[in-house]
mmCIF file of all heavy atoms, coordinates in Angstrom:
data_MODEL
# 
_entry.id   MODEL 
# 
loop_
_atom_site.group_PDB 
_atom_site.id 
_atom_site.type_symbol 
_atom_site.label_atom_id 
_atom_site.label_alt_id 
_atom_site.label_comp_id 
_atom_site.label_asym_id 
_atom_site.label_entity_id 
_atom_site.label_seq_id 
_atom_site.pdbx_PDB_ins_code 
_atom_site.Cartn_x 
_atom_site.Cartn_y 
_atom_site.Cartn_z 
_atom_site.occupancy 
_atom_site.B_iso_or_equiv 
_atom_site.pdbx_formal_charge 
_atom_site.auth_seq_id 
_atom_site.auth_comp_id 
_atom_site.auth_asym_id 
_atom_site.auth_atom_id 
_atom_site.pdbx_PDB_model_num 
ATOM 1   N N   . GLN A 1 1  ? 24.286 -17.647 27.001 1.00 0.00 ? 1  GLN A N   1 
ATOM 2   C CA  . GLN A 1 1  ? 25.103 -17.831 25.795 1.00 0.00 ? 1  GLN A CA  1 
ATOM 3   C C   . GLN A 1 1  ? 25.221 -19.293 25.358 1.00 0.00 ? 1  GLN A C   1 
ATOM 4   O O   . GLN A 1 1  ? 26.052 -19.620 24.538 1.00 0.00 ? 1  GLN A O   1 
ATOM 5   C CB  . GLN A 1 1  ? 26.510 -17.234 25.971 1.00 0.00 ? 1  GLN A CB  1 
ATOM 6   C CG  . GLN A 1 1  ? 26.538 -15.750 26.198 1.00 0.00 ? 1  GLN A CG  1 
ATOM 7   C CD  . GLN A 1 1  ? 26.057 -14.972 24.985 1.00 0.00 ? 1  GLN A CD  1 
ATOM 8   O OE1 . GLN A 1 1  ? 26.306 -15.347 23.858 1.00 0.00 ? 1  GLN A OE1 1 
ATOM 9   N NE2 . GLN A 1 1  ? 25.347 -13.902 25.232 1.00 0.00 ? 1  GLN A NE2 1 
ATOM 10  N N   . GLU A 1 2  ? 24.435 -20.190 25.931 1.00 0.00 ? 2  GLU A N   1 
ATOM 11  C CA  . GLU A 1 2  ? 24.503 -21.595 25.549 1.00 0.00 ? 2  GLU A CA  1 
ATOM 12  C C   . GLU A 1 2  ? 23.113 -22.109 25.217 1.00 0.00 ? 2  GLU A C   1 
ATOM 13  O O   . GLU A 1 2  ? 22.137 -21.739 25.850 1.00 0.00 ? 2  GLU A O   1 
ATOM 14  C CB  . GLU A 1 2  ? 25.084 -22.440 26.682 1.00 0.00 ? 2  GLU A CB  1 
ATOM 15  C CG  . GLU A 1 2  ? 26.513 -22.112 27.000 1.00 0.00 ? 2  GLU A CG  1 
ATOM 16  C CD  . GLU A 1 2  ? 27.033 -22.907 28.180 1.00 0.00 ? 2  GLU A CD  1 
ATOM 17  O OE1 . GLU A 1 2  ? 26.275 -23.665 28.801 1.00 0.00 ? 2  GLU A OE1 1 
ATOM 18  O OE2 . GLU A 1 2  ? 28.214 -22.745 28.499 1.00 0.00 ? 2  GLU A OE2 1 
ATOM 19  N N   . ILE A 1 3  ? 23.058 -22.966 24.260 1.00 0.00 ? 3  ILE A N   1 
ATOM 20  C CA  . ILE A 1 3  ? 21.810 -23.628 23.904 1.00 0.00 ? 3  ILE A CA  1 
ATOM 21  C C   . ILE A 1 3  ? 22.082 -25.127 23.930 1.00 0.00 ? 3  ILE A C   1 
ATOM 22  O O   . ILE A 1 3  ? 22.986 -25.611 23.264 1.00 0.00 ? 3  ILE A O   1 
ATOM 23  C CB  . ILE A 1 3  ? 21.334 -23.209 22.495 1.00 0.00 ? 3  ILE A CB  1 
ATOM 24  C CG1 . ILE A 1 3  ? 21.100 -21.700 22.426 1.00 0.00 ? 3  ILE A CG1 1 
ATOM 25  C CG2 . ILE A 1 3  ? 20.072 -23.970 22.119 1.00 0.00 ? 3  ILE A CG2 1 
ATOM 26  C CD1 . ILE A 1 3  ? 20.824 -21.175 21.040 1.00 0.00 ? 3  ILE A CD1 1 
ATOM 27  N N   . TYR A 1 4  ? 21.306 -25.822 24.735 1.00 0.00 ? 4  TYR A N   1 
ATOM 28  C CA  . TYR A 1 4  ? 21.406 -27.272 24.765 1.00 0.00 ? 4  TYR A CA  1 
ATOM 29  C C   . TYR A 1 4  ? 20.372 -27.830 23.801 1.00 0.00 ? 4  TYR A C   1 
ATOM 30  O O   . TYR A 1 4  ? 19.281 -27.287 23.667 1.00 0.00 ? 4  TYR A O   1 
ATOM 31  C CB  . TYR A 1 4  ? 21.114 -27.810 26.172 1.00 0.00 ? 4  TYR A CB  1 
ATOM 32  C CG  . TYR A 1 4  ? 22.225 -27.541 27.154 1.00 0.00 ? 4  TYR A CG  1 
ATOM 33  C CD1 . TYR A 1 4  ? 22.271 -26.364 27.877 1.00 0.00 ? 4  TYR A CD1 1 
ATOM 34  C CD2 . TYR A 1 4  ? 23.234 -28.474 27.339 1.00 0.00 ? 4  TYR A CD2 1 
ATOM 35  C CE1 . TYR A 1 4  ? 23.293 -26.114 28.772 1.00 0.00 ? 4  TYR A CE1 1 
ATOM 36  C CE2 . TYR A 1 4  ? 24.266 -28.230 28.230 1.00 0.00 ? 4  TYR A CE2 1 
ATOM 37  C CZ  . TYR A 1 4  ? 24.287 -27.049 28.943 1.00 0.00 ? 4  TYR A CZ  1 
ATOM 38  O OH  . TYR A 1 4  ? 25.304 -26.807 29.823 1.00 0.00 ? 4  TYR A OH  1 
ATOM 39  N N   . PHE A 1 5  ? 20.733 -28.904 23.128 1.00 0.00 ? 5  PHE A N   1 
ATOM 40  C CA  . PHE A 1 5  ? 19.764 -29.547 22.258 1.00 0.00 ? 5  PHE A CA  1 
ATOM 41  C C   . PHE A 1 5  ? 19.960 -31.054 22.312 1.00 0.00 ? 5  PHE A C   1 
ATOM 42  O O   . PHE A 1 5  ? 20.990 -31.553 22.749 1.00 0.00 ? 5  PHE A O   1 
ATOM 43  C CB  . PHE A 1 5  ? 19.852 -29.012 20.823 1.00 0.00 ? 5  PHE A CB  1 
ATOM 44  C CG  . PHE A 1 5  ? 21.012 -29.540 20.012 1.00 0.00 ? 5  PHE A CG  1 
ATOM 45  C CD1 . PHE A 1 5  ? 20.803 -30.494 19.029 1.00 0.00 ? 5  PHE A CD1 1 
ATOM 46  C CD2 . PHE A 1 5  ? 22.301 -29.076 20.223 1.00 0.00 ? 5  PHE A CD2 1 
ATOM 47  C CE1 . PHE A 1 5  ? 21.858 -30.970 18.272 1.00 0.00 ? 5  PHE A CE1 1 
ATOM 48  C CE2 . PHE A 1 5  ? 23.357 -29.532 19.466 1.00 0.00 ? 5  PHE A CE2 1 
ATOM 49  C CZ  . PHE A 1 5  ? 23.133 -30.492 18.492 1.00 0.00 ? 5  PHE A CZ  1 
ATOM 50  N N   . SER A 1 6  ? 18.936 -31.742 21.895 1.00 0.00 ? 6  SER A N   1 
ATOM 51  C CA  . SER A 1 6  ? 18.974 -33.205 21.849 1.00 0.00 ? 6  SER A CA  1 
ATOM 52  C C   . SER A 1 6  ? 18.132 -33.653 20.660 1.00 0.00 ? 6  SER A C   1 
ATOM 53  O O   . SER A 1 6  ? 17.589 -32.828 19.925 1.00 0.00 ? 6  SER A O   1 
ATOM 54  C CB  . SER A 1 6  ? 18.426 -33.802 23.153 1.00 0.00 ? 6  SER A CB  1 
ATOM 55  O OG  . SER A 1 6  ? 17.035 -33.590 23.239 1.00 0.00 ? 6  SER A OG  1 
ATOM 56  N N   . GLU A 1 7  ? 18.001 -34.922 20.501 1.00 0.00 ? 7  GLU A N   1 
ATOM 57  C CA  . GLU A 1 7  ? 17.182 -35.448 19.410 1.00 0.00 ? 7  GLU A CA  1 
ATOM 58  C C   . GLU A 1 7  ? 15.709 -35.098 19.604 1.00 0.00 ? 7  GLU A C   1 
ATOM 59  O O   . GLU A 1 7  ? 14.932 -35.137 18.661 1.00 0.00 ? 7  GLU A O   1 
ATOM 60  C CB  . GLU A 1 7  ? 17.385 -36.956 19.301 1.00 0.00 ? 7  GLU A CB  1 
ATOM 61  C CG  . GLU A 1 7  ? 18.784 -37.292 18.818 1.00 0.00 ? 7  GLU A CG  1 
ATOM 62  C CD  . GLU A 1 7  ? 19.085 -38.782 18.792 1.00 0.00 ? 7  GLU A CD  1 
ATOM 63  O OE1 . GLU A 1 7  ? 18.224 -39.593 19.183 1.00 0.00 ? 7  GLU A OE1 1 
ATOM 64  O OE2 . GLU A 1 7  ? 20.199 -39.124 18.374 1.00 0.00 ? 7  GLU A OE2 1 
ATOM 65  N N   . LYS A 1 8  ? 15.336 -34.698 20.812 1.00 0.00 ? 8  LYS A N   1 
ATOM 66  C CA  . LYS A 1 8  ? 13.955 -34.314 21.087 1.00 0.00 ? 8  LYS A CA  1 
ATOM 67  C C   . LYS A 1 8  ? 13.576 -32.986 20.433 1.00 0.00 ? 8  LYS A C   1 
ATOM 68  O O   . LYS A 1 8  ? 12.415 -32.624 20.399 1.00 0.00 ? 8  LYS A O   1 
ATOM 69  C CB  . LYS A 1 8  ? 13.726 -34.227 22.596 1.00 0.00 ? 8  LYS A CB  1 
ATOM 70  C CG  . LYS A 1 8  ? 13.827 -35.570 23.278 1.00 0.00 ? 8  LYS A CG  1 
ATOM 71  C CD  . LYS A 1 8  ? 13.673 -35.445 24.765 1.00 0.00 ? 8  LYS A CD  1 
ATOM 72  C CE  . LYS A 1 8  ? 13.856 -36.810 25.409 1.00 0.00 ? 8  LYS A CE  1 
ATOM 73  N NZ  . LYS A 1 8  ? 13.835 -36.740 26.861 1.00 0.00 ? 8  LYS A NZ  1 
ATOM 74  N N   . ASP A 1 9  ? 14.557 -32.248 19.923 1.00 0.00 ? 9  ASP A N   1 
ATOM 75  C CA  . ASP A 1 9  ? 14.290 -30.992 19.223 1.00 0.00 ? 9  ASP A CA  1 
ATOM 76  C C   . ASP A 1 9  ? 13.812 -31.228 17.797 1.00 0.00 ? 9  ASP A C   1 
ATOM 77  O O   . ASP A 1 9  ? 13.510 -30.268 17.079 1.00 0.00 ? 9  ASP A O   1 
ATOM 78  C CB  . ASP A 1 9  ? 15.550 -30.119 19.200 1.00 0.00 ? 9  ASP A CB  1 
ATOM 79  C CG  . ASP A 1 9  ? 15.838 -29.511 20.547 1.00 0.00 ? 9  ASP A CG  1 
ATOM 80  O OD1 . ASP A 1 9  ? 15.217 -28.485 20.864 1.00 0.00 ? 9  ASP A OD1 1 
ATOM 81  O OD2 . ASP A 1 9  ? 16.662 -30.070 21.288 1.00 0.00 ? 9  ASP A OD2 1 
ATOM 82  N N   . PHE A 1 10 ? 13.750 -32.483 17.387 1.00 0.00 ? 10 PHE A N   1 
ATOM 83  C CA  . PHE A 1 10 ? 13.345 -32.830 16.030 1.00 0.00 ? 10 PHE A CA  1 
ATOM 84  C C   . PHE A 1 10 ? 12.054 -33.645 16.057 1.00 0.00 ? 10 PHE A C   1 
ATOM 85  O O   . PHE A 1 10 ? 11.792 -34.391 16.996 1.00 0.00 ? 10 PHE A O   1 
ATOM 86  C CB  . PHE A 1 10 ? 14.446 -33.649 15.347 1.00 0.00 ? 10 PHE A CB  1 
ATOM 87  C CG  . PHE A 1 10 ? 15.718 -32.870 15.155 1.00 0.00 ? 10 PHE A CG  1 
ATOM 88  C CD1 . PHE A 1 10 ? 16.673 -32.806 16.147 1.00 0.00 ? 10 PHE A CD1 1 
ATOM 89  C CD2 . PHE A 1 10 ? 15.944 -32.183 13.972 1.00 0.00 ? 10 PHE A CD2 1 
ATOM 90  C CE1 . PHE A 1 10 ? 17.844 -32.073 15.985 1.00 0.00 ? 10 PHE A CE1 1 
ATOM 91  C CE2 . PHE A 1 10 ? 17.104 -31.443 13.794 1.00 0.00 ? 10 PHE A CE2 1 
ATOM 92  C CZ  . PHE A 1 10 ? 18.054 -31.390 14.799 1.00 0.00 ? 10 PHE A CZ  1 
ATOM 93  N N   . THR A 1 11 ? 11.265 -33.495 14.997 1.00 0.00 ? 11 THR A N   1 
ATOM 94  C CA  . THR A 1 11 ? 10.048 -34.286 14.872 1.00 0.00 ? 11 THR A CA  1 
ATOM 95  C C   . THR A 1 11 ? 10.415 -35.704 14.442 1.00 0.00 ? 11 THR A C   1 
ATOM 96  O O   . THR A 1 11 ? 11.564 -35.973 14.078 1.00 0.00 ? 11 THR A O   1 
ATOM 97  C CB  . THR A 1 11 ? 9.097  -33.679 13.812 1.00 0.00 ? 11 THR A CB  1 
ATOM 98  O OG1 . THR A 1 11 ? 9.721  -33.786 12.524 1.00 0.00 ? 11 THR A OG1 1 
ATOM 99  C CG2 . THR A 1 11 ? 8.774  -32.225 14.122 1.00 0.00 ? 11 THR A CG2 1 
ATOM 100 N N   . TRP A 1 12 ? 9.456  -36.570 14.424 1.00 0.00 ? 12 TRP A N   1 
ATOM 101 C CA  . TRP A 1 12 ? 9.726  -37.948 14.011 1.00 0.00 ? 12 TRP A CA  1 
ATOM 102 C C   . TRP A 1 12 ? 10.095 -38.022 12.533 1.00 0.00 ? 12 TRP A C   1 
ATOM 103 O O   . TRP A 1 12 ? 10.681 -38.991 12.080 1.00 0.00 ? 12 TRP A O   1 
ATOM 104 C CB  . TRP A 1 12 ? 8.540  -38.859 14.346 1.00 0.00 ? 12 TRP A CB  1 
ATOM 105 C CG  . TRP A 1 12 ? 7.285  -38.553 13.578 1.00 0.00 ? 12 TRP A CG  1 
ATOM 106 C CD1 . TRP A 1 12 ? 6.317  -37.659 13.901 1.00 0.00 ? 12 TRP A CD1 1 
ATOM 107 C CD2 . TRP A 1 12 ? 6.882  -39.153 12.339 1.00 0.00 ? 12 TRP A CD2 1 
ATOM 108 N NE1 . TRP A 1 12 ? 5.334  -37.646 12.951 1.00 0.00 ? 12 TRP A NE1 1 
ATOM 109 C CE2 . TRP A 1 12 ? 5.647  -38.570 11.976 1.00 0.00 ? 12 TRP A CE2 1 
ATOM 110 C CE3 . TRP A 1 12 ? 7.426  -40.121 11.507 1.00 0.00 ? 12 TRP A CE3 1 
ATOM 111 C CZ2 . TRP A 1 12 ? 4.967  -38.920 10.829 1.00 0.00 ? 12 TRP A CZ2 1 
ATOM 112 C CZ3 . TRP A 1 12 ? 6.732  -40.467 10.357 1.00 0.00 ? 12 TRP A CZ3 1 
ATOM 113 C CH2 . TRP A 1 12 ? 5.519  -39.874 10.039 1.00 0.00 ? 12 TRP A CH2 1 
ATOM 114 N N   . ARG A 1 13 ? 9.808  -36.962 11.776 1.00 0.00 ? 13 ARG A N   1 
ATOM 115 C CA  . ARG A 1 13 ? 10.187 -36.904 10.368 1.00 0.00 ? 13 ARG A CA  1 
ATOM 116 C C   . ARG A 1 13 ? 11.565 -36.286 10.157 1.00 0.00 ? 13 ARG A C   1 
ATOM 117 O O   . ARG A 1 13 ? 11.987 -36.079 9.029  1.00 0.00 ? 13 ARG A O   1 
ATOM 118 C CB  . ARG A 1 13 ? 9.164  -36.090 9.582  1.00 0.00 ? 13 ARG A CB  1 
ATOM 119 C CG  . ARG A 1 13 ? 7.855  -36.795 9.435  1.00 0.00 ? 13 ARG A CG  1 
ATOM 120 C CD  . ARG A 1 13 ? 6.950  -35.990 8.562  1.00 0.00 ? 13 ARG A CD  1 
ATOM 121 N NE  . ARG A 1 13 ? 5.775  -36.779 8.265  1.00 0.00 ? 13 ARG A NE  1 
ATOM 122 C CZ  . ARG A 1 13 ? 4.989  -36.564 7.254  1.00 0.00 ? 13 ARG A CZ  1 
ATOM 123 N NH1 . ARG A 1 13 ? 5.234  -35.570 6.434  1.00 0.00 ? 13 ARG A NH1 1 
ATOM 124 N NH2 . ARG A 1 13 ? 3.936  -37.313 7.053  1.00 0.00 ? 13 ARG A NH2 1 
ATOM 125 N N   . GLY A 1 14 ? 12.223 -35.914 11.231 1.00 0.00 ? 14 GLY A N   1 
ATOM 126 C CA  . GLY A 1 14 ? 13.565 -35.356 11.130 1.00 0.00 ? 14 GLY A CA  1 
ATOM 127 C C   . GLY A 1 14 ? 13.600 -33.862 10.908 1.00 0.00 ? 14 GLY A C   1 
ATOM 128 O O   . GLY A 1 14 ? 14.643 -33.307 10.580 1.00 0.00 ? 14 GLY A O   1 
ATOM 129 N N   . ARG A 1 15 ? 12.487 -33.203 11.103 1.00 0.00 ? 15 ARG A N   1 
ATOM 130 C CA  . ARG A 1 15 ? 12.451 -31.743 10.953 1.00 0.00 ? 15 ARG A CA  1 
ATOM 131 C C   . ARG A 1 15 ? 12.620 -31.090 12.322 1.00 0.00 ? 15 ARG A C   1 
ATOM 132 O O   . ARG A 1 15 ? 12.189 -31.621 13.333 1.00 0.00 ? 15 ARG A O   1 
ATOM 133 C CB  . ARG A 1 15 ? 11.132 -31.316 10.326 1.00 0.00 ? 15 ARG A CB  1 
ATOM 134 C CG  . ARG A 1 15 ? 11.009 -31.794 8.898  1.00 0.00 ? 15 ARG A CG  1 
ATOM 135 C CD  . ARG A 1 15 ? 9.863  -31.109 8.189  1.00 0.00 ? 15 ARG A CD  1 
ATOM 136 N NE  . ARG A 1 15 ? 9.837  -31.527 6.804  1.00 0.00 ? 15 ARG A NE  1 
ATOM 137 C CZ  . ARG A 1 15 ? 8.888  -32.314 6.296  1.00 0.00 ? 15 ARG A CZ  1 
ATOM 138 N NH1 . ARG A 1 15 ? 7.899  -32.725 7.041  1.00 0.00 ? 15 ARG A NH1 1 
ATOM 139 N NH2 . ARG A 1 15 ? 8.936  -32.645 5.017  1.00 0.00 ? 15 ARG A NH2 1 
ATOM 140 N N   . LEU A 1 16 ? 13.185 -29.906 12.302 1.00 0.00 ? 16 LEU A N   1 
ATOM 141 C CA  . LEU A 1 16 ? 13.396 -29.156 13.527 1.00 0.00 ? 16 LEU A CA  1 
ATOM 142 C C   . LEU A 1 16 ? 12.062 -28.599 14.024 1.00 0.00 ? 16 LEU A C   1 
ATOM 143 O O   . LEU A 1 16 ? 11.306 -28.017 13.253 1.00 0.00 ? 16 LEU A O   1 
ATOM 144 C CB  . LEU A 1 16 ? 14.380 -28.016 13.258 1.00 0.00 ? 16 LEU A CB  1 
ATOM 145 C CG  . LEU A 1 16 ? 14.918 -27.248 14.437 1.00 0.00 ? 16 LEU A CG  1 
ATOM 146 C CD1 . LEU A 1 16 ? 15.641 -28.172 15.412 1.00 0.00 ? 16 LEU A CD1 1 
ATOM 147 C CD2 . LEU A 1 16 ? 15.880 -26.177 13.952 1.00 0.00 ? 16 LEU A CD2 1 
ATOM 148 N N   . LYS A 1 17 ? 11.782 -28.788 15.310 1.00 0.00 ? 17 LYS A N   1 
ATOM 149 C CA  . LYS A 1 17 ? 10.544 -28.258 15.885 1.00 0.00 ? 17 LYS A CA  1 
ATOM 150 C C   . LYS A 1 17 ? 10.610 -26.733 15.924 1.00 0.00 ? 17 LYS A C   1 
ATOM 151 O O   . LYS A 1 17 ? 11.663 -26.157 16.168 1.00 0.00 ? 17 LYS A O   1 
ATOM 152 C CB  . LYS A 1 17 ? 10.339 -28.803 17.297 1.00 0.00 ? 17 LYS A CB  1 
ATOM 153 C CG  . LYS A 1 17 ? 10.060 -30.291 17.336 1.00 0.00 ? 17 LYS A CG  1 
ATOM 154 C CD  . LYS A 1 17 ? 9.876  -30.771 18.754 1.00 0.00 ? 17 LYS A CD  1 
ATOM 155 C CE  . LYS A 1 17 ? 9.605  -32.262 18.795 1.00 0.00 ? 17 LYS A CE  1 
ATOM 156 N NZ  . LYS A 1 17 ? 9.513  -32.765 20.188 1.00 0.00 ? 17 LYS A NZ  1 
ATOM 157 N N   . LYS A 1 18 ? 9.482  -26.087 15.681 1.00 0.00 ? 18 LYS A N   1 
ATOM 158 C CA  . LYS A 1 18 ? 9.431  -24.624 15.642 1.00 0.00 ? 18 LYS A CA  1 
ATOM 159 C C   . LYS A 1 18 ? 9.820  -23.988 16.964 1.00 0.00 ? 18 LYS A C   1 
ATOM 160 O O   . LYS A 1 18 ? 10.415 -22.920 16.995 1.00 0.00 ? 18 LYS A O   1 
ATOM 161 C CB  . LYS A 1 18 ? 8.041  -24.165 15.227 1.00 0.00 ? 18 LYS A CB  1 
ATOM 162 C CG  . LYS A 1 18 ? 7.757  -24.421 13.776 1.00 0.00 ? 18 LYS A CG  1 
ATOM 163 C CD  . LYS A 1 18 ? 6.405  -23.926 13.363 1.00 0.00 ? 18 LYS A CD  1 
ATOM 164 C CE  . LYS A 1 18 ? 6.288  -24.123 11.877 1.00 0.00 ? 18 LYS A CE  1 
ATOM 165 N NZ  . LYS A 1 18 ? 5.082  -24.622 11.408 1.00 0.00 ? 18 LYS A NZ  1 
ATOM 166 N N   . GLU A 1 19 ? 9.489  -24.617 18.077 1.00 0.00 ? 19 GLU A N   1 
ATOM 167 C CA  . GLU A 1 19 ? 9.762  -24.031 19.388 1.00 0.00 ? 19 GLU A CA  1 
ATOM 168 C C   . GLU A 1 19 ? 11.191 -24.307 19.877 1.00 0.00 ? 19 GLU A C   1 
ATOM 169 O O   . GLU A 1 19 ? 11.597 -23.826 20.927 1.00 0.00 ? 19 GLU A O   1 
ATOM 170 C CB  . GLU A 1 19 ? 8.753  -24.540 20.429 1.00 0.00 ? 19 GLU A CB  1 
ATOM 171 C CG  . GLU A 1 19 ? 8.878  -26.013 20.780 1.00 0.00 ? 19 GLU A CG  1 
ATOM 172 C CD  . GLU A 1 19 ? 8.138  -26.973 19.836 1.00 0.00 ? 19 GLU A CD  1 
ATOM 173 O OE1 . GLU A 1 19 ? 7.574  -26.528 18.824 1.00 0.00 ? 19 GLU A OE1 1 
ATOM 174 O OE2 . GLU A 1 19 ? 8.144  -28.170 20.138 1.00 0.00 ? 19 GLU A OE2 1 
ATOM 175 N N   . SER A 1 20 ? 11.964 -25.026 19.107 1.00 0.00 ? 20 SER A N   1 
ATOM 176 C CA  . SER A 1 20 ? 13.325 -25.360 19.505 1.00 0.00 ? 20 SER A CA  1 
ATOM 177 C C   . SER A 1 20 ? 14.220 -24.125 19.542 1.00 0.00 ? 20 SER A C   1 
ATOM 178 O O   . SER A 1 20 ? 14.204 -23.301 18.636 1.00 0.00 ? 20 SER A O   1 
ATOM 179 C CB  . SER A 1 20 ? 13.919 -26.384 18.535 1.00 0.00 ? 20 SER A CB  1 
ATOM 180 O OG  . SER A 1 20 ? 15.284 -26.576 18.814 1.00 0.00 ? 20 SER A OG  1 
ATOM 181 N N   . LYS A 1 21 ? 15.021 -24.014 20.587 1.00 0.00 ? 21 LYS A N   1 
ATOM 182 C CA  . LYS A 1 21 ? 15.973 -22.905 20.693 1.00 0.00 ? 21 LYS A CA  1 
ATOM 183 C C   . LYS A 1 21 ? 17.127 -23.073 19.703 1.00 0.00 ? 21 LYS A C   1 
ATOM 184 O O   . LYS A 1 21 ? 17.911 -22.168 19.503 1.00 0.00 ? 21 LYS A O   1 
ATOM 185 C CB  . LYS A 1 21 ? 16.498 -22.792 22.118 1.00 0.00 ? 21 LYS A CB  1 
ATOM 186 C CG  . LYS A 1 21 ? 15.441 -22.286 23.067 1.00 0.00 ? 21 LYS A CG  1 
ATOM 187 C CD  . LYS A 1 21 ? 16.041 -21.817 24.343 1.00 0.00 ? 21 LYS A CD  1 
ATOM 188 C CE  . LYS A 1 21 ? 14.967 -21.183 25.189 1.00 0.00 ? 21 LYS A CE  1 
ATOM 189 N NZ  . LYS A 1 21 ? 15.520 -20.526 26.355 1.00 0.00 ? 21 LYS A NZ  1 
ATOM 190 N N   . LEU A 1 22 ? 17.198 -24.218 19.100 1.00 0.00 ? 22 LEU A N   1 
ATOM 191 C CA  . LEU A 1 22 ? 18.199 -24.473 18.070 1.00 0.00 ? 22 LEU A CA  1 
ATOM 192 C C   . LEU A 1 22 ? 18.017 -23.504 16.894 1.00 0.00 ? 22 LEU A C   1 
ATOM 193 O O   . LEU A 1 22 ? 18.984 -23.127 16.241 1.00 0.00 ? 22 LEU A O   1 
ATOM 194 C CB  . LEU A 1 22 ? 18.060 -25.921 17.610 1.00 0.00 ? 22 LEU A CB  1 
ATOM 195 C CG  . LEU A 1 22 ? 19.084 -26.523 16.704 1.00 0.00 ? 22 LEU A CG  1 
ATOM 196 C CD1 . LEU A 1 22 ? 20.484 -26.322 17.248 1.00 0.00 ? 22 LEU A CD1 1 
ATOM 197 C CD2 . LEU A 1 22 ? 18.812 -28.008 16.547 1.00 0.00 ? 22 LEU A CD2 1 
ATOM 198 N N   . ASN A 1 23 ? 16.796 -23.064 16.692 1.00 0.00 ? 23 ASN A N   1 
ATOM 199 C CA  . ASN A 1 23 ? 16.507 -22.094 15.626 1.00 0.00 ? 23 ASN A CA  1 
ATOM 200 C C   . ASN A 1 23 ? 17.271 -20.785 15.827 1.00 0.00 ? 23 ASN A C   1 
ATOM 201 O O   . ASN A 1 23 ? 17.702 -20.163 14.864 1.00 0.00 ? 23 ASN A O   1 
ATOM 202 C CB  . ASN A 1 23 ? 15.005 -21.815 15.549 1.00 0.00 ? 23 ASN A CB  1 
ATOM 203 C CG  . ASN A 1 23 ? 14.242 -22.988 14.977 1.00 0.00 ? 23 ASN A CG  1 
ATOM 204 O OD1 . ASN A 1 23 ? 14.577 -23.487 13.911 1.00 0.00 ? 23 ASN A OD1 1 
ATOM 205 N ND2 . ASN A 1 23 ? 13.234 -23.449 15.696 1.00 0.00 ? 23 ASN A ND2 1 
ATOM 206 N N   . GLU A 1 24 ? 17.442 -20.357 17.088 1.00 0.00 ? 24 GLU A N   1 
ATOM 207 C CA  . GLU A 1 24 ? 18.195 -19.130 17.390 1.00 0.00 ? 24 GLU A CA  1 
ATOM 208 C C   . GLU A 1 24 ? 19.642 -19.259 16.921 1.00 0.00 ? 24 GLU A C   1 
ATOM 209 O O   . GLU A 1 24 ? 20.203 -18.332 16.352 1.00 0.00 ? 24 GLU A O   1 
ATOM 210 C CB  . GLU A 1 24 ? 18.191 -18.860 18.895 1.00 0.00 ? 24 GLU A CB  1 
ATOM 211 C CG  . GLU A 1 24 ? 16.853 -18.530 19.491 1.00 0.00 ? 24 GLU A CG  1 
ATOM 212 C CD  . GLU A 1 24 ? 16.909 -18.447 21.005 1.00 0.00 ? 24 GLU A CD  1 
ATOM 213 O OE1 . GLU A 1 24 ? 17.997 -18.210 21.583 1.00 0.00 ? 24 GLU A OE1 1 
ATOM 214 O OE2 . GLU A 1 24 ? 15.849 -18.626 21.634 1.00 0.00 ? 24 GLU A OE2 1 
ATOM 215 N N   . PHE A 1 25 ? 20.231 -20.406 17.179 1.00 0.00 ? 25 PHE A N   1 
ATOM 216 C CA  . PHE A 1 25 ? 21.621 -20.643 16.791 1.00 0.00 ? 25 PHE A CA  1 
ATOM 217 C C   . PHE A 1 25 ? 21.753 -20.663 15.272 1.00 0.00 ? 25 PHE A C   1 
ATOM 218 O O   . PHE A 1 25 ? 22.641 -20.031 14.705 1.00 0.00 ? 25 PHE A O   1 
ATOM 219 C CB  . PHE A 1 25 ? 22.106 -21.969 17.389 1.00 0.00 ? 25 PHE A CB  1 
ATOM 220 C CG  . PHE A 1 25 ? 23.558 -22.255 17.133 1.00 0.00 ? 25 PHE A CG  1 
ATOM 221 C CD1 . PHE A 1 25 ? 24.530 -21.756 17.981 1.00 0.00 ? 25 PHE A CD1 1 
ATOM 222 C CD2 . PHE A 1 25 ? 23.952 -23.029 16.055 1.00 0.00 ? 25 PHE A CD2 1 
ATOM 223 C CE1 . PHE A 1 25 ? 25.882 -22.018 17.758 1.00 0.00 ? 25 PHE A CE1 1 
ATOM 224 C CE2 . PHE A 1 25 ? 25.290 -23.302 15.818 1.00 0.00 ? 25 PHE A CE2 1 
ATOM 225 C CZ  . PHE A 1 25 ? 26.255 -22.795 16.672 1.00 0.00 ? 25 PHE A CZ  1 
ATOM 226 N N   . LEU A 1 26 ? 20.870 -21.365 14.606 1.00 0.00 ? 26 LEU A N   1 
ATOM 227 C CA  . LEU A 1 26 ? 20.941 -21.510 13.155 1.00 0.00 ? 26 LEU A CA  1 
ATOM 228 C C   . LEU A 1 26 ? 20.611 -20.221 12.406 1.00 0.00 ? 26 LEU A C   1 
ATOM 229 O O   . LEU A 1 26 ? 20.950 -20.087 11.235 1.00 0.00 ? 26 LEU A O   1 
ATOM 230 C CB  . LEU A 1 26 ? 20.027 -22.647 12.696 1.00 0.00 ? 26 LEU A CB  1 
ATOM 231 C CG  . LEU A 1 26 ? 20.428 -24.043 13.170 1.00 0.00 ? 26 LEU A CG  1 
ATOM 232 C CD1 . LEU A 1 26 ? 19.396 -25.068 12.738 1.00 0.00 ? 26 LEU A CD1 1 
ATOM 233 C CD2 . LEU A 1 26 ? 21.811 -24.410 12.676 1.00 0.00 ? 26 LEU A CD2 1 
ATOM 234 N N   . ALA A 1 27 ? 19.986 -19.262 13.071 1.00 0.00 ? 27 ALA A N   1 
ATOM 235 C CA  . ALA A 1 27 ? 19.649 -17.985 12.434 1.00 0.00 ? 27 ALA A CA  1 
ATOM 236 C C   . ALA A 1 27 ? 20.856 -17.052 12.359 1.00 0.00 ? 27 ALA A C   1 
ATOM 237 O O   . ALA A 1 27 ? 20.809 -16.042 11.661 1.00 0.00 ? 27 ALA A O   1 
ATOM 238 C CB  . ALA A 1 27 ? 18.516 -17.307 13.205 1.00 0.00 ? 27 ALA A CB  1 
# 
């Protein structure tokens, strides 16, 4: 039930990486 994220979940252009679990939360 927890998702950890960091700045590494983003590309150098500031976009969210496709494989990031952050996508699950934002959905």
